[in-house]
Structure formats: structure tokens, C-alpha cells
Amino acid sequence: MRCGQIKRKLSAFFDHELSESEEIIVDEHLKECEGCQSNMKELGELCDIFVRIPDISVPFYFRTRLMQKINAPTEVSLSFIEKFRRAVLPVAAAMAVILSLVLGNYIGENLYTIFAGSSISENDSVEVLDFALNSFPEGSLSDIYQNVLNGEKSE
């Protein structure tokens, strides 16, 4: 094995967590390689330092509080731009709907008065509809509808 592979296994070797065959390979490599021996020595010194650190006593309720904080639902804080977007988007959509209704009503009233005049009878409304549907080609849906309005049979 190469030194890089051995270095990744040194901690497991130190803790006797490797299989027998891997321990033998690492042990033989350590006998020959001074760089890996140095790394193993540093690992041993580091473990000695950890052993000398005194245990810290924590309050009896520490674990309970910690688990409560871990399990508590987290509140997602939105950025100003995200809050603004979430507030403006529905308002803009509602305004677009209202604007389209108002403009549609306005345009519809104006077109109706242009084509039909101020006094509208049933025959006049048929003429307006006839005028609107007249520009479509023969055999189209509007042509069939126009024939139905005029009382003609469609073929």
C-alpha cells in the first residue's frame, strides 16, 4: 500500500478497528516508512492529550434541552427581497385580473356602441354578431355559428 492509503487507516489502526490482514499490512508498512511512523507517533501524542483533558460536568437538564432544541421546528427567516416578492406577487396578479376586467368591459361597451349604436334591437345585435363573424373562412366554426343564427342548415 502507498503512504496515502496507510495514513487514512492510521486512526483505525491505533484504535484496533482494522481487520487482521489490514493490521498486518499497516504494521509492516510502519516498520519500513519513517514518514508514517512519524504520523503514528503524532497520533499517539494527540490521543494522550485527549486522555489528560478533564471531564466536563454538565447540568442534568442539558441533554433534555439539547434534544428539545434539535427537535424544535426551525423558523425560516426570509430575506427582504423574498418577503417583498411574496407580498407583491399576489397583489400584482389581483391587479392584473381587475385591470383586464375593467379594460374588457370598457372595450366591449365601446365596440358594442360603435357597431350597434345607442338603440339596440334584437335584429341589430344579430347584425353586430354577423359583422364580427363575417371575416372567418367558410366551413369554420364561426361560419357554422353564423348559419345557425341565420336559420340556415350547415352542410
Protein backbone atom coordinates (compact mmCIF):
# COMPACT_ATOMS: atom_id res chain seq x y z
CA MET A 1 0.00 0.00 0.00
CA ARG A 2 1.02 3.58 -0.53
CA CYS A 3 1.57 6.09 2.26
CA GLY A 4 -1.66 7.96 1.45
CA GLN A 5 -3.72 4.80 1.94
CA ILE A 6 -1.86 3.96 5.14
CA LYS A 7 -2.31 7.48 6.58
CA ARG A 8 -6.09 7.16 6.11
CA LYS A 9 -6.03 3.95 8.15
CA LEU A 10 -3.71 5.06 10.98
CA SER A 11 -6.50 6.16 13.31
CA ALA A 12 -8.36 2.87 12.83
CA PHE A 13 -5.07 1.01 13.32
CA PHE A 14 -4.40 2.91 16.55
CA ASP A 15 -7.90 2.03 17.84
CA HIS A 16 -7.57 -1.63 16.68
CA GLU A 17 -10.55 -1.30 14.35
CA LEU A 18 -8.90 -2.85 11.27
CA SER A 19 -9.20 -6.46 10.15
CA GLU A 20 -6.25 -8.75 10.92
CA SER A 21 -4.95 -8.66 7.36
CA GLU A 22 -5.13 -4.85 7.23
CA GLU A 23 -3.39 -4.53 10.61
CA ILE A 24 -0.55 -6.72 9.36
CA ILE A 25 -0.17 -4.64 6.19
CA VAL A 26 -0.17 -1.34 8.13
CA ASP A 27 2.22 -2.71 10.77
CA GLU A 28 4.70 -3.89 8.12
CA HIS A 29 4.48 -0.54 6.34
CA LEU A 30 5.13 1.32 9.62
CA LYS A 31 8.30 -0.74 10.16
CA GLU A 32 9.69 0.47 6.83
CA CYS A 33 8.32 4.03 6.40
CA GLU A 34 9.65 6.81 8.65
CA GLY A 35 7.02 9.34 7.49
CA CYS A 36 4.14 7.09 8.51
CA GLN A 37 5.97 6.26 11.78
CA SER A 38 6.10 10.00 12.49
CA ASN A 39 2.37 10.34 11.75
CA MET A 40 1.63 7.40 14.07
CA LYS A 41 3.71 8.99 16.83
CA GLU A 42 1.81 12.32 16.44
CA LEU A 43 -1.50 10.44 16.59
CA GLY A 44 -0.40 8.76 19.83
CA GLU A 45 0.63 12.11 21.36
CA LEU A 46 -2.70 13.62 20.36
CA CYS A 47 -4.59 10.75 22.00
CA ASP A 48 -2.53 11.24 25.18
CA ILE A 49 -3.55 14.91 25.23
CA PHE A 50 -7.21 13.95 24.89
CA VAL A 51 -6.92 11.48 27.77
CA ARG A 52 -5.49 14.20 30.05
CA ILE A 53 -8.39 16.60 29.42
CA PRO A 54 -10.68 16.51 32.46
CA ASP A 55 -14.31 15.56 32.01
CA ILE A 56 -16.74 18.43 31.93
CA SER A 57 -19.80 18.13 34.09
CA VAL A 58 -22.99 19.39 32.53
CA PRO A 59 -26.28 20.13 34.27
CA PHE A 60 -28.72 17.22 34.44
CA TYR A 61 -31.21 19.05 32.19
CA PHE A 62 -28.61 19.71 29.46
CA ARG A 63 -29.50 16.65 27.39
CA THR A 64 -33.23 17.39 27.63
CA ARG A 65 -32.78 20.98 26.48
CA LEU A 66 -30.43 19.93 23.71
CA MET A 67 -32.91 17.37 22.39
CA GLN A 68 -35.72 19.93 22.57
CA LYS A 69 -33.68 22.39 20.52
CA ILE A 70 -32.77 19.71 18.00
CA ASN A 71 -36.36 18.53 17.59
CA ALA A 72 -37.90 22.02 17.64
CA PRO A 73 -39.18 23.20 14.28
CA THR A 74 -36.90 25.80 12.82
CA GLU A 75 -38.32 29.07 11.60
CA VAL A 76 -37.10 30.00 8.19
CA SER A 77 -36.21 33.66 8.06
CA LEU A 78 -36.92 35.12 4.66
CA SER A 79 -34.81 37.82 3.11
CA PHE A 80 -36.31 41.24 2.46
CA ILE A 81 -36.49 40.53 -1.26
CA GLU A 82 -38.28 37.22 -0.67
CA LYS A 83 -40.80 38.84 1.69
CA PHE A 84 -41.36 41.65 -0.81
CA ARG A 85 -41.84 39.17 -3.66
CA ARG A 86 -44.30 37.08 -1.66
CA ALA A 87 -46.33 40.17 -0.80
CA VAL A 88 -46.25 41.86 -4.21
CA LEU A 89 -46.88 38.84 -6.45
CA PRO A 90 -50.47 38.12 -5.30
CA VAL A 91 -51.29 41.84 -5.32
CA ALA A 92 -49.91 42.21 -8.84
CA ALA A 93 -51.89 39.17 -10.02
CA ALA A 94 -55.10 40.57 -8.50
CA MET A 95 -54.45 43.96 -10.08
CA ALA A 96 -53.89 42.31 -13.48
CA VAL A 97 -57.21 40.46 -13.19
CA ILE A 98 -59.06 43.62 -12.16
CA LEU A 99 -57.40 45.66 -14.91
CA SER A 100 -58.28 43.06 -17.55
CA LEU A 101 -61.91 43.00 -16.38
CA VAL A 102 -62.18 46.79 -16.43
CA LEU A 103 -60.47 47.11 -19.83
CA GLY A 104 -62.51 44.24 -21.25
CA ASN A 105 -65.71 45.85 -20.07
CA TYR A 106 -64.67 49.27 -21.41
CA ILE A 107 -63.59 47.90 -24.79
CA GLY A 108 -66.69 45.73 -25.03
CA GLU A 109 -69.02 48.65 -24.31
CA ASN A 110 -67.25 50.89 -26.82
CA LEU A 111 -67.23 48.28 -29.57
CA TYR A 112 -70.85 47.49 -28.94
CA THR A 113 -71.87 51.14 -29.18
CA ILE A 114 -69.73 51.62 -32.30
CA PHE A 115 -71.31 48.69 -34.13
CA ALA A 116 -74.82 48.77 -32.72
CA GLY A 117 -75.45 52.42 -31.95
CA SER A 118 -77.30 53.64 -28.91
CA SER A 119 -80.65 51.90 -29.51
CA ILE A 120 -80.22 48.20 -30.00
CA SER A 121 -82.88 45.80 -31.09
CA GLU A 122 -82.63 42.04 -31.42
CA ASN A 123 -82.00 42.33 -35.16
CA ASP A 124 -79.22 44.88 -34.56
CA SER A 125 -77.41 42.56 -32.15
CA VAL A 126 -77.57 39.77 -34.73
CA GLU A 127 -76.10 42.15 -37.31
CA VAL A 128 -73.23 43.06 -34.95
CA LEU A 129 -72.51 39.39 -34.33
CA ASP A 130 -72.80 38.72 -38.06
CA PHE A 131 -70.29 41.51 -38.74
CA ALA A 132 -67.88 40.12 -36.14
CA LEU A 133 -68.04 36.59 -37.50
CA ASN A 134 -68.04 37.54 -41.19
CA SER A 135 -64.27 37.62 -41.61
CA PHE A 136 -63.76 33.90 -40.92
CA PRO A 137 -63.45 31.42 -43.82
CA GLU A 138 -66.28 29.19 -44.99
CA GLY A 139 -66.58 25.95 -43.03
CA SER A 140 -65.02 27.38 -39.86
CA LEU A 141 -66.74 27.24 -36.50
CA SER A 142 -67.79 30.88 -36.82
CA ASP A 143 -69.30 30.16 -40.25
CA ILE A 144 -71.36 27.32 -38.78
CA TYR A 145 -72.46 29.55 -35.88
CA GLN A 146 -73.42 32.28 -38.34
CA ASN A 147 -75.51 29.79 -40.33
CA VAL A 148 -77.29 28.73 -37.12
CA LEU A 149 -78.06 32.38 -36.32
CA ASN A 150 -79.46 32.95 -39.78
CA GLY A 151 -81.53 29.76 -39.59
CA GLU A 152 -79.62 28.03 -42.40
CA LYS A 153 -78.63 24.39 -42.38
CA SER A 154 -74.92 23.66 -42.23
CA GLU A 155 -73.55 21.04 -44.57
